[in-house]
Amino acid sequence: MVREFEDSDGRAWDVALGRASWGAFHALFVPRDGGEARQTLLAAEASEDAARRLHEVDADELLDLFRRSKPYEDGS
């Protein structure tokens, strides 16, 4: 599942669920115009919970997740 998101500067992002090798789940923010992706840890213990949370958050909560995000690290 991918959501569309626009930050407070008007930049468009795709938001998808990501999973780290240690079982943590992230909201991955990928800029539609290219550039560095960002990630935010989600409070979820199972992939279904993380996907539901990411799907159900409203625009303000999505903006909060984005503001707390850090540059993406793939962990490999």
N, C-alpha and C. Protein backbone atom coordinates (compact mmCIF):
# COMPACT_ATOMS: atom_id res chain seq x y z
N MET A 1 0.83 -1.17 0.00
CA MET A 1 0.00 0.00 0.00
C MET A 1 0.88 1.25 0.00
N VAL A 2 0.56 2.17 -0.87
CA VAL A 2 1.29 3.43 -0.95
C VAL A 2 0.29 4.56 -0.80
N ARG A 3 0.64 5.53 0.01
CA ARG A 3 -0.17 6.74 0.17
C ARG A 3 0.58 7.89 -0.45
N GLU A 4 -0.16 8.88 -0.88
CA GLU A 4 0.44 10.12 -1.35
C GLU A 4 0.42 11.12 -0.21
N PHE A 5 1.44 11.97 -0.16
CA PHE A 5 1.58 12.94 0.91
C PHE A 5 2.23 14.19 0.36
N GLU A 6 1.79 15.33 0.84
CA GLU A 6 2.42 16.60 0.49
C GLU A 6 2.88 17.27 1.78
N ASP A 7 4.17 17.61 1.84
CA ASP A 7 4.68 18.22 3.07
C ASP A 7 4.29 19.70 3.13
N SER A 8 4.68 20.37 4.21
CA SER A 8 4.28 21.76 4.41
C SER A 8 4.92 22.72 3.40
N ASP A 9 5.94 22.25 2.68
CA ASP A 9 6.57 23.05 1.63
C ASP A 9 5.96 22.77 0.26
N GLY A 10 4.96 21.87 0.21
CA GLY A 10 4.32 21.54 -1.06
C GLY A 10 5.02 20.45 -1.86
N ARG A 11 6.02 19.81 -1.29
CA ARG A 11 6.73 18.73 -1.99
C ARG A 11 5.92 17.44 -1.88
N ALA A 12 5.80 16.73 -2.99
CA ALA A 12 5.01 15.49 -3.04
C ALA A 12 5.88 14.28 -2.69
N TRP A 13 5.29 13.37 -1.90
CA TRP A 13 5.97 12.16 -1.45
C TRP A 13 5.03 10.97 -1.61
N ASP A 14 5.61 9.79 -1.82
CA ASP A 14 4.90 8.53 -1.69
C ASP A 14 5.29 7.98 -0.32
N VAL A 15 4.31 7.42 0.39
CA VAL A 15 4.57 6.85 1.71
C VAL A 15 4.21 5.37 1.67
N ALA A 16 5.16 4.53 2.07
CA ALA A 16 4.95 3.08 2.05
C ALA A 16 5.44 2.49 3.36
N LEU A 17 5.02 1.28 3.62
CA LEU A 17 5.45 0.56 4.81
C LEU A 17 6.78 -0.12 4.54
N GLY A 18 7.70 0.05 5.47
CA GLY A 18 9.00 -0.62 5.37
C GLY A 18 9.25 -1.44 6.63
N ARG A 19 10.07 -2.45 6.48
CA ARG A 19 10.41 -3.31 7.63
C ARG A 19 11.92 -3.45 7.71
N ALA A 20 12.44 -3.24 8.91
CA ALA A 20 13.86 -3.41 9.14
C ALA A 20 14.15 -4.87 9.48
N SER A 21 15.39 -5.28 9.34
CA SER A 21 15.77 -6.67 9.56
C SER A 21 15.50 -7.13 10.99
N TRP A 22 15.45 -6.24 11.94
CA TRP A 22 15.23 -6.62 13.33
C TRP A 22 13.75 -6.60 13.71
N GLY A 23 12.86 -6.46 12.74
CA GLY A 23 11.43 -6.57 12.98
C GLY A 23 10.70 -5.26 13.23
N ALA A 24 11.40 -4.15 13.17
CA ALA A 24 10.75 -2.85 13.34
C ALA A 24 10.08 -2.44 12.03
N PHE A 25 9.02 -1.66 12.13
CA PHE A 25 8.30 -1.19 10.96
C PHE A 25 8.42 0.33 10.85
N HIS A 26 8.56 0.80 9.63
CA HIS A 26 8.75 2.22 9.36
C HIS A 26 7.76 2.73 8.32
N ALA A 27 7.47 4.01 8.42
CA ALA A 27 6.82 4.72 7.33
C ALA A 27 7.97 5.25 6.48
N LEU A 28 7.99 4.85 5.21
CA LEU A 28 9.04 5.30 4.29
C LEU A 28 8.48 6.41 3.42
N PHE A 29 9.12 7.56 3.43
CA PHE A 29 8.72 8.71 2.63
C PHE A 29 9.70 8.82 1.46
N VAL A 30 9.18 8.66 0.25
CA VAL A 30 10.00 8.69 -0.95
C VAL A 30 9.57 9.90 -1.78
N PRO A 31 10.49 10.85 -2.02
CA PRO A 31 10.12 12.04 -2.76
C PRO A 31 9.79 11.71 -4.22
N ARG A 32 8.68 12.24 -4.70
CA ARG A 32 8.25 11.94 -6.07
C ARG A 32 9.16 12.59 -7.10
N ASP A 33 9.88 13.65 -6.73
CA ASP A 33 10.76 14.33 -7.67
C ASP A 33 12.20 13.84 -7.55
N GLY A 34 12.42 12.74 -6.87
CA GLY A 34 13.77 12.20 -6.67
C GLY A 34 14.39 12.79 -5.41
N GLY A 35 15.52 12.29 -5.05
CA GLY A 35 16.20 12.77 -3.85
C GLY A 35 16.17 11.74 -2.75
N GLU A 36 16.54 12.19 -1.58
CA GLU A 36 16.72 11.29 -0.44
C GLU A 36 15.40 10.90 0.21
N ALA A 37 15.23 9.60 0.40
CA ALA A 37 14.06 9.07 1.11
C ALA A 37 14.26 9.28 2.62
N ARG A 38 13.14 9.23 3.34
CA ARG A 38 13.15 9.42 4.79
C ARG A 38 12.35 8.29 5.43
N GLN A 39 12.57 8.05 6.72
CA GLN A 39 11.85 6.99 7.43
C GLN A 39 11.53 7.40 8.86
N THR A 40 10.41 6.86 9.35
CA THR A 40 9.98 7.09 10.73
C THR A 40 9.54 5.76 11.32
N LEU A 41 9.99 5.46 12.51
CA LEU A 41 9.59 4.24 13.20
C LEU A 41 8.10 4.30 13.53
N LEU A 42 7.39 3.20 13.27
CA LEU A 42 5.97 3.08 13.62
C LEU A 42 5.83 2.23 14.88
N ALA A 43 4.90 2.58 15.72
CA ALA A 43 4.62 1.81 16.93
C ALA A 43 3.71 0.65 16.56
N ALA A 44 4.31 -0.48 16.17
CA ALA A 44 3.54 -1.67 15.79
C ALA A 44 4.42 -2.89 15.97
N GLU A 45 3.78 -4.00 16.36
CA GLU A 45 4.53 -5.24 16.57
C GLU A 45 4.35 -6.25 15.45
N ALA A 46 3.36 -6.05 14.59
CA ALA A 46 3.10 -6.97 13.49
C ALA A 46 2.85 -6.17 12.21
N SER A 47 3.16 -6.78 11.08
CA SER A 47 3.02 -6.05 9.81
C SER A 47 1.59 -5.60 9.55
N GLU A 48 0.61 -6.40 9.97
CA GLU A 48 -0.79 -6.01 9.77
C GLU A 48 -1.13 -4.76 10.56
N ASP A 49 -0.62 -4.68 11.80
CA ASP A 49 -0.85 -3.51 12.64
C ASP A 49 -0.18 -2.27 12.04
N ALA A 50 1.05 -2.44 11.56
CA ALA A 50 1.78 -1.31 10.97
C ALA A 50 1.07 -0.82 9.71
N ALA A 51 0.64 -1.76 8.86
CA ALA A 51 -0.07 -1.38 7.63
C ALA A 51 -1.37 -0.66 7.94
N ARG A 52 -2.10 -1.17 8.91
CA ARG A 52 -3.37 -0.54 9.30
C ARG A 52 -3.12 0.87 9.85
N ARG A 53 -2.11 0.99 10.70
CA ARG A 53 -1.80 2.31 11.26
C ARG A 53 -1.46 3.30 10.16
N LEU A 54 -0.61 2.90 9.24
CA LEU A 54 -0.21 3.80 8.16
C LEU A 54 -1.39 4.16 7.27
N HIS A 55 -2.28 3.23 7.07
CA HIS A 55 -3.47 3.47 6.24
C HIS A 55 -4.47 4.40 6.94
N GLU A 56 -4.59 4.28 8.26
CA GLU A 56 -5.64 4.99 9.00
C GLU A 56 -5.24 6.36 9.54
N VAL A 57 -3.95 6.69 9.57
CA VAL A 57 -3.58 7.99 10.13
C VAL A 57 -4.15 9.11 9.27
N ASP A 58 -4.56 10.18 9.95
CA ASP A 58 -5.09 11.32 9.20
C ASP A 58 -3.93 12.21 8.73
N ALA A 59 -4.26 13.26 8.01
CA ALA A 59 -3.24 14.13 7.41
C ALA A 59 -2.32 14.75 8.47
N ASP A 60 -2.87 15.15 9.62
CA ASP A 60 -2.04 15.76 10.67
C ASP A 60 -1.06 14.74 11.26
N GLU A 61 -1.53 13.52 11.47
CA GLU A 61 -0.65 12.47 12.00
C GLU A 61 0.43 12.11 10.99
N LEU A 62 0.07 12.09 9.71
CA LEU A 62 1.06 11.79 8.67
C LEU A 62 2.11 12.89 8.62
N LEU A 63 1.69 14.14 8.76
CA LEU A 63 2.64 15.25 8.81
C LEU A 63 3.56 15.11 10.02
N ASP A 64 3.02 14.69 11.16
CA ASP A 64 3.84 14.48 12.36
C ASP A 64 4.86 13.37 12.12
N LEU A 65 4.45 12.27 11.52
CA LEU A 65 5.40 11.20 11.19
C LEU A 65 6.51 11.73 10.29
N PHE A 66 6.13 12.54 9.30
CA PHE A 66 7.12 13.10 8.39
C PHE A 66 8.09 14.02 9.12
N ARG A 67 7.58 14.86 9.98
CA ARG A 67 8.45 15.80 10.72
C ARG A 67 9.44 15.07 11.62
N ARG A 68 9.06 13.89 12.11
CA ARG A 68 9.96 13.10 12.96
C ARG A 68 10.90 12.19 12.15
N SER A 69 10.73 12.17 10.84
CA SER A 69 11.51 11.24 10.02
C SER A 69 12.98 11.65 9.93
N LYS A 70 13.76 10.65 9.62
CA LYS A 70 15.22 10.82 9.45
C LYS A 70 15.59 10.23 8.09
N PRO A 71 16.75 10.60 7.56
CA PRO A 71 17.17 10.02 6.28
C PRO A 71 17.13 8.49 6.32
N TYR A 72 16.69 7.91 5.22
CA TYR A 72 16.54 6.46 5.10
C TYR A 72 17.89 5.76 5.20
N GLU A 73 17.93 4.69 5.98
CA GLU A 73 19.11 3.82 6.07
C GLU A 73 18.64 2.42 5.78
N ASP A 74 19.19 1.77 4.77
CA ASP A 74 18.69 0.45 4.38
C ASP A 74 19.20 -0.67 5.27
N GLY A 75 20.19 -0.43 6.08
CA GLY A 75 20.64 -1.44 7.04
C GLY A 75 21.42 -2.58 6.43
N SER A 76 21.77 -2.50 5.16
CA SER A 76 22.51 -3.62 4.56
C SER A 76 23.99 -3.37 4.56
